[in-house]
Amino acid sequence: MKVSPRAALLSLALIAATATACGGRAAEVRTAPAATSELSVQVTNNLSQAVNVYATPTGGSELFLRQVPANTVERVPVQGVASGTKVTFKAVTVDGSRTYGSRDVSLTGLYVWSVP
């Protein structure tokens, strides 16, 4: 059985391509850069039930932030709001029976707020 030079070259090319495709690849794994200035509200919930916390920027729509459990203190990020924006915070008990609001604050970092 005689093999043509063209067939032999084609076979070598396929073997080389397969070896290259199946070889290991270098991957670089990095973590996301640390947030430099996160806007947030520290909510102290002094109630005996959880509250849903909302933020409303001046001229914007109400944003649901998080549910804060009863008798806890939580730092809640406020995303989608630019630093320096005036914001009003609202807490609504999970049963909807009571609503608490903050005054307008110019949010530039961490705002500390207690309910009630």
N, C-alpha and C. Protein backbone atom coordinates (compact mmCIF):
# COMPACT_ATOMS: atom_id res chain seq x y z
N MET A 1 0.84 -1.16 0.00
CA MET A 1 0.00 0.00 0.00
C MET A 1 0.89 1.23 0.00
N LYS A 2 0.62 2.09 -0.93
CA LYS A 2 1.42 3.29 -1.13
C LYS A 2 0.62 4.50 -0.67
N VAL A 3 1.26 5.40 0.12
CA VAL A 3 0.60 6.61 0.63
C VAL A 3 1.18 7.80 -0.11
N SER A 4 0.28 8.60 -0.63
CA SER A 4 0.75 9.77 -1.37
C SER A 4 1.31 10.81 -0.41
N PRO A 5 2.27 11.62 -0.86
CA PRO A 5 2.84 12.65 0.00
C PRO A 5 1.77 13.65 0.47
N ARG A 6 0.81 13.91 -0.40
CA ARG A 6 -0.25 14.86 -0.05
C ARG A 6 -1.07 14.32 1.12
N ALA A 7 -1.43 13.06 1.12
CA ALA A 7 -2.20 12.44 2.20
C ALA A 7 -1.40 12.43 3.49
N ALA A 8 -0.09 12.17 3.40
CA ALA A 8 0.76 12.15 4.58
C ALA A 8 0.82 13.54 5.21
N LEU A 9 0.97 14.58 4.40
CA LEU A 9 1.00 15.95 4.92
C LEU A 9 -0.33 16.33 5.57
N LEU A 10 -1.43 15.93 4.94
CA LEU A 10 -2.75 16.22 5.49
C LEU A 10 -2.92 15.54 6.84
N SER A 11 -2.46 14.30 6.97
CA SER A 11 -2.55 13.58 8.24
C SER A 11 -1.73 14.27 9.32
N LEU A 12 -0.51 14.69 8.99
CA LEU A 12 0.33 15.39 9.96
C LEU A 12 -0.30 16.72 10.39
N ALA A 13 -0.90 17.44 9.44
CA ALA A 13 -1.54 18.71 9.75
C ALA A 13 -2.71 18.50 10.71
N LEU A 14 -3.52 17.46 10.49
CA LEU A 14 -4.66 17.17 11.38
C LEU A 14 -4.18 16.78 12.77
N ILE A 15 -3.13 16.00 12.86
CA ILE A 15 -2.60 15.60 14.16
C ILE A 15 -2.08 16.81 14.91
N ALA A 16 -1.37 17.70 14.23
CA ALA A 16 -0.84 18.90 14.87
C ALA A 16 -1.97 19.82 15.34
N ALA A 17 -3.01 19.97 14.52
CA ALA A 17 -4.15 20.83 14.88
C ALA A 17 -4.88 20.26 16.09
N THR A 18 -5.05 18.95 16.13
CA THR A 18 -5.74 18.31 17.26
C THR A 18 -4.93 18.48 18.53
N ALA A 19 -3.63 18.30 18.45
CA ALA A 19 -2.78 18.44 19.63
C ALA A 19 -2.82 19.87 20.17
N THR A 20 -2.83 20.83 19.27
CA THR A 20 -2.87 22.23 19.68
C THR A 20 -4.21 22.57 20.32
N ALA A 21 -5.30 22.10 19.73
CA ALA A 21 -6.64 22.41 20.22
C ALA A 21 -6.91 21.76 21.57
N CYS A 22 -6.33 20.62 21.83
CA CYS A 22 -6.59 19.90 23.08
C CYS A 22 -5.59 20.26 24.17
N GLY A 23 -4.64 21.09 23.87
CA GLY A 23 -3.63 21.46 24.86
C GLY A 23 -4.20 22.38 25.91
N GLY A 24 -3.46 22.55 27.01
CA GLY A 24 -3.90 23.44 28.09
C GLY A 24 -3.86 24.88 27.65
N ARG A 25 -4.73 25.65 28.24
CA ARG A 25 -4.78 27.08 27.95
C ARG A 25 -4.56 27.85 29.23
N ALA A 26 -3.87 28.95 29.10
CA ALA A 26 -3.63 29.79 30.27
C ALA A 26 -4.87 30.62 30.56
N ALA A 27 -5.23 30.70 31.82
CA ALA A 27 -6.37 31.52 32.23
C ALA A 27 -5.94 32.43 33.36
N GLU A 28 -6.37 33.65 33.30
CA GLU A 28 -6.05 34.61 34.35
C GLU A 28 -7.29 34.84 35.18
N VAL A 29 -7.18 34.65 36.49
CA VAL A 29 -8.31 34.83 37.40
C VAL A 29 -8.01 36.02 38.28
N ARG A 30 -8.95 36.99 38.30
CA ARG A 30 -8.79 38.18 39.13
C ARG A 30 -10.07 38.42 39.90
N THR A 31 -9.96 39.17 40.96
CA THR A 31 -11.15 39.59 41.69
C THR A 31 -11.54 40.98 41.22
N ALA A 32 -12.78 41.34 41.46
CA ALA A 32 -13.25 42.67 41.09
C ALA A 32 -12.55 43.71 41.96
N PRO A 33 -12.34 44.90 41.43
CA PRO A 33 -11.70 45.93 42.25
C PRO A 33 -12.59 46.31 43.43
N ALA A 34 -11.98 46.66 44.52
CA ALA A 34 -12.72 47.04 45.72
C ALA A 34 -13.50 48.33 45.47
N ALA A 35 -14.70 48.37 46.01
CA ALA A 35 -15.52 49.58 45.89
C ALA A 35 -14.86 50.69 46.71
N THR A 36 -14.69 51.84 46.11
CA THR A 36 -13.99 52.92 46.80
C THR A 36 -14.93 53.77 47.64
N SER A 37 -16.11 54.05 47.17
CA SER A 37 -17.02 54.88 47.94
C SER A 37 -18.44 54.37 47.73
N GLU A 38 -18.81 53.40 48.53
CA GLU A 38 -20.14 52.81 48.41
C GLU A 38 -21.13 53.66 49.20
N LEU A 39 -22.23 54.00 48.57
CA LEU A 39 -23.30 54.72 49.25
C LEU A 39 -24.15 53.70 49.98
N SER A 40 -24.47 53.96 51.24
CA SER A 40 -25.26 53.00 51.99
C SER A 40 -25.99 53.69 53.14
N VAL A 41 -26.96 52.95 53.68
CA VAL A 41 -27.71 53.41 54.84
C VAL A 41 -27.59 52.31 55.90
N GLN A 42 -27.28 52.73 57.12
CA GLN A 42 -27.25 51.77 58.23
C GLN A 42 -28.59 51.86 58.93
N VAL A 43 -29.38 50.80 58.80
CA VAL A 43 -30.73 50.78 59.35
C VAL A 43 -30.71 50.04 60.67
N THR A 44 -31.16 50.73 61.73
CA THR A 44 -31.37 50.08 63.02
C THR A 44 -32.86 49.85 63.16
N ASN A 45 -33.27 48.60 63.06
CA ASN A 45 -34.69 48.25 63.16
C ASN A 45 -34.99 47.86 64.60
N ASN A 46 -35.63 48.77 65.34
CA ASN A 46 -35.97 48.54 66.74
C ASN A 46 -37.34 47.90 66.92
N LEU A 47 -37.98 47.54 65.82
CA LEU A 47 -39.32 46.96 65.88
C LEU A 47 -39.26 45.46 66.12
N SER A 48 -40.41 44.88 66.49
CA SER A 48 -40.48 43.44 66.73
C SER A 48 -40.82 42.67 65.45
N GLN A 49 -40.82 43.35 64.32
CA GLN A 49 -41.02 42.67 63.04
C GLN A 49 -40.13 43.29 61.97
N ALA A 50 -39.91 42.54 60.91
CA ALA A 50 -39.04 43.00 59.83
C ALA A 50 -39.67 44.18 59.09
N VAL A 51 -38.81 44.96 58.44
CA VAL A 51 -39.27 46.08 57.62
C VAL A 51 -38.64 45.98 56.24
N ASN A 52 -39.38 46.42 55.22
CA ASN A 52 -38.85 46.57 53.88
C ASN A 52 -38.36 48.00 53.75
N VAL A 53 -37.12 48.17 53.30
CA VAL A 53 -36.50 49.49 53.24
C VAL A 53 -36.43 49.94 51.79
N TYR A 54 -36.82 51.21 51.56
CA TYR A 54 -36.85 51.81 50.23
C TYR A 54 -36.07 53.12 50.26
N ALA A 55 -35.56 53.52 49.10
CA ALA A 55 -34.92 54.83 48.93
C ALA A 55 -35.58 55.51 47.74
N THR A 56 -35.86 56.81 47.89
CA THR A 56 -36.43 57.58 46.79
C THR A 56 -35.55 58.81 46.56
N PRO A 57 -34.77 58.80 45.46
CA PRO A 57 -33.98 59.99 45.14
C PRO A 57 -34.88 61.11 44.64
N THR A 58 -34.52 62.36 44.92
CA THR A 58 -35.31 63.49 44.45
C THR A 58 -35.46 63.42 42.94
N GLY A 59 -36.70 63.47 42.48
CA GLY A 59 -36.98 63.40 41.04
C GLY A 59 -36.87 62.02 40.44
N GLY A 60 -36.70 61.00 41.30
CA GLY A 60 -36.54 59.63 40.79
C GLY A 60 -37.63 58.71 41.30
N SER A 61 -37.48 57.45 40.97
CA SER A 61 -38.44 56.43 41.38
C SER A 61 -38.00 55.76 42.67
N GLU A 62 -38.96 55.24 43.40
CA GLU A 62 -38.68 54.52 44.64
C GLU A 62 -37.92 53.23 44.33
N LEU A 63 -36.86 52.96 45.09
CA LEU A 63 -36.03 51.78 44.91
C LEU A 63 -36.15 50.88 46.14
N PHE A 64 -36.50 49.62 45.95
CA PHE A 64 -36.48 48.67 47.06
C PHE A 64 -35.03 48.32 47.35
N LEU A 65 -34.62 48.43 48.62
CA LEU A 65 -33.23 48.14 48.98
C LEU A 65 -33.07 46.76 49.58
N ARG A 66 -33.83 46.47 50.64
CA ARG A 66 -33.67 45.18 51.32
C ARG A 66 -34.68 45.07 52.44
N GLN A 67 -34.92 43.83 52.87
CA GLN A 67 -35.72 43.59 54.06
C GLN A 67 -34.76 43.47 55.24
N VAL A 68 -35.03 44.22 56.30
CA VAL A 68 -34.19 44.20 57.48
C VAL A 68 -34.97 43.50 58.60
N PRO A 69 -34.40 42.42 59.16
CA PRO A 69 -35.10 41.67 60.20
C PRO A 69 -35.36 42.50 61.46
N ALA A 70 -36.26 42.01 62.31
CA ALA A 70 -36.60 42.68 63.56
C ALA A 70 -35.39 42.77 64.48
N ASN A 71 -35.32 43.87 65.21
CA ASN A 71 -34.29 44.08 66.24
C ASN A 71 -32.87 43.82 65.74
N THR A 72 -32.55 44.35 64.57
CA THR A 72 -31.20 44.19 64.02
C THR A 72 -30.69 45.52 63.46
N VAL A 73 -29.40 45.54 63.22
CA VAL A 73 -28.74 46.67 62.58
C VAL A 73 -28.09 46.13 61.32
N GLU A 74 -28.40 46.72 60.17
CA GLU A 74 -27.81 46.27 58.91
C GLU A 74 -27.35 47.45 58.09
N ARG A 75 -26.20 47.27 57.44
CA ARG A 75 -25.71 48.26 56.48
C ARG A 75 -26.22 47.83 55.11
N VAL A 76 -27.02 48.70 54.48
CA VAL A 76 -27.69 48.38 53.23
C VAL A 76 -27.13 49.26 52.11
N PRO A 77 -26.54 48.67 51.06
CA PRO A 77 -26.04 49.47 49.94
C PRO A 77 -27.18 50.18 49.20
N VAL A 78 -26.92 51.39 48.74
CA VAL A 78 -27.89 52.14 47.93
C VAL A 78 -27.28 52.25 46.53
N GLN A 79 -27.72 51.35 45.64
CA GLN A 79 -27.15 51.30 44.30
C GLN A 79 -28.05 52.06 43.32
N GLY A 80 -27.42 52.61 42.29
CA GLY A 80 -28.17 53.32 41.26
C GLY A 80 -28.43 54.78 41.61
N VAL A 81 -27.76 55.28 42.65
CA VAL A 81 -27.93 56.68 43.06
C VAL A 81 -26.55 57.32 43.07
N ALA A 82 -26.43 58.48 42.47
CA ALA A 82 -25.15 59.19 42.43
C ALA A 82 -24.86 59.85 43.77
N SER A 83 -23.59 59.91 44.11
CA SER A 83 -23.17 60.57 45.34
C SER A 83 -23.60 62.04 45.33
N GLY A 84 -24.13 62.49 46.47
CA GLY A 84 -24.58 63.87 46.59
C GLY A 84 -26.06 64.06 46.28
N THR A 85 -26.72 63.00 45.81
CA THR A 85 -28.15 63.08 45.50
C THR A 85 -28.96 63.12 46.80
N LYS A 86 -30.00 63.95 46.81
CA LYS A 86 -30.91 63.99 47.96
C LYS A 86 -31.82 62.77 47.89
N VAL A 87 -31.92 62.06 49.01
CA VAL A 87 -32.66 60.80 49.08
C VAL A 87 -33.54 60.81 50.32
N THR A 88 -34.72 60.21 50.21
CA THR A 88 -35.59 59.98 51.35
C THR A 88 -35.69 58.47 51.53
N PHE A 89 -35.53 58.00 52.77
CA PHE A 89 -35.66 56.57 53.07
C PHE A 89 -37.01 56.29 53.68
N LYS A 90 -37.52 55.09 53.41
CA LYS A 90 -38.82 54.67 53.94
C LYS A 90 -38.70 53.23 54.40
N ALA A 91 -39.33 52.92 55.54
CA ALA A 91 -39.39 51.55 56.05
C ALA A 91 -40.85 51.20 56.26
N VAL A 92 -41.25 50.06 55.71
CA VAL A 92 -42.64 49.60 55.84
C VAL A 92 -42.61 48.24 56.52
N THR A 93 -43.38 48.08 57.60
CA THR A 93 -43.43 46.80 58.28
C THR A 93 -43.94 45.74 57.31
N VAL A 94 -43.49 44.49 57.50
CA VAL A 94 -43.84 43.44 56.55
C VAL A 94 -45.34 43.20 56.47
N ASP A 95 -46.07 43.52 57.53
CA ASP A 95 -47.53 43.35 57.46
C ASP A 95 -48.20 44.59 56.86
N GLY A 96 -47.43 45.64 56.54
CA GLY A 96 -47.96 46.83 55.90
C GLY A 96 -48.70 47.76 56.83
N SER A 97 -48.69 47.49 58.13
CA SER A 97 -49.49 48.30 59.06
C SER A 97 -48.85 49.64 59.42
N ARG A 98 -47.51 49.75 59.32
CA ARG A 98 -46.85 50.99 59.70
C ARG A 98 -45.78 51.37 58.67
N THR A 99 -45.64 52.68 58.47
CA THR A 99 -44.63 53.22 57.55
C THR A 99 -43.84 54.30 58.28
N TYR A 100 -42.52 54.27 58.13
CA TYR A 100 -41.64 55.25 58.74
C TYR A 100 -40.81 55.90 57.65
N GLY A 101 -40.56 57.20 57.76
CA GLY A 101 -39.79 57.91 56.75
C GLY A 101 -38.67 58.73 57.36
N SER A 102 -37.63 58.92 56.58
CA SER A 102 -36.52 59.78 57.01
C SER A 102 -36.73 61.17 56.43
N ARG A 103 -35.90 62.09 56.86
CA ARG A 103 -35.88 63.40 56.23
C ARG A 103 -35.07 63.27 54.94
N ASP A 104 -35.12 64.30 54.09
CA ASP A 104 -34.26 64.32 52.90
C ASP A 104 -32.81 64.44 53.35
N VAL A 105 -31.96 63.56 52.80
CA VAL A 105 -30.54 63.61 53.13
C VAL A 105 -29.74 63.64 51.84
N SER A 106 -28.64 64.35 51.87
CA SER A 106 -27.71 64.36 50.74
C SER A 106 -26.78 63.18 50.95
N LEU A 107 -26.95 62.14 50.18
CA LEU A 107 -26.23 60.89 50.38
C LEU A 107 -24.84 60.96 49.77
N THR A 108 -23.83 60.90 50.63
CA THR A 108 -22.44 60.98 50.16
C THR A 108 -21.59 59.83 50.69
N GLY A 109 -22.14 58.98 51.48
CA GLY A 109 -21.39 57.86 52.06
C GLY A 109 -22.34 57.00 52.83
N LEU A 110 -22.14 56.94 54.16
CA LEU A 110 -23.00 56.16 55.04
C LEU A 110 -23.96 57.10 55.78
N TYR A 111 -25.26 56.79 55.72
CA TYR A 111 -26.26 57.52 56.47
C TYR A 111 -26.80 56.57 57.53
N VAL A 112 -26.85 57.01 58.79
CA VAL A 112 -27.32 56.18 59.90
C VAL A 112 -28.77 56.57 60.20
N TRP A 113 -29.65 55.55 60.21
CA TRP A 113 -31.08 55.80 60.40
C TRP A 113 -31.67 54.73 61.30
N SER A 114 -32.52 55.15 62.26
CA SER A 114 -33.19 54.22 63.16
C SER A 114 -34.68 54.20 62.90
N VAL A 115 -35.28 53.01 63.01
CA VAL A 115 -36.71 52.81 62.87
C VAL A 115 -37.20 52.19 64.14
N PRO A 116 -38.17 52.74 64.82
CA PRO A 116 -38.75 54.07 64.70
C PRO A 116 -37.87 55.14 65.26
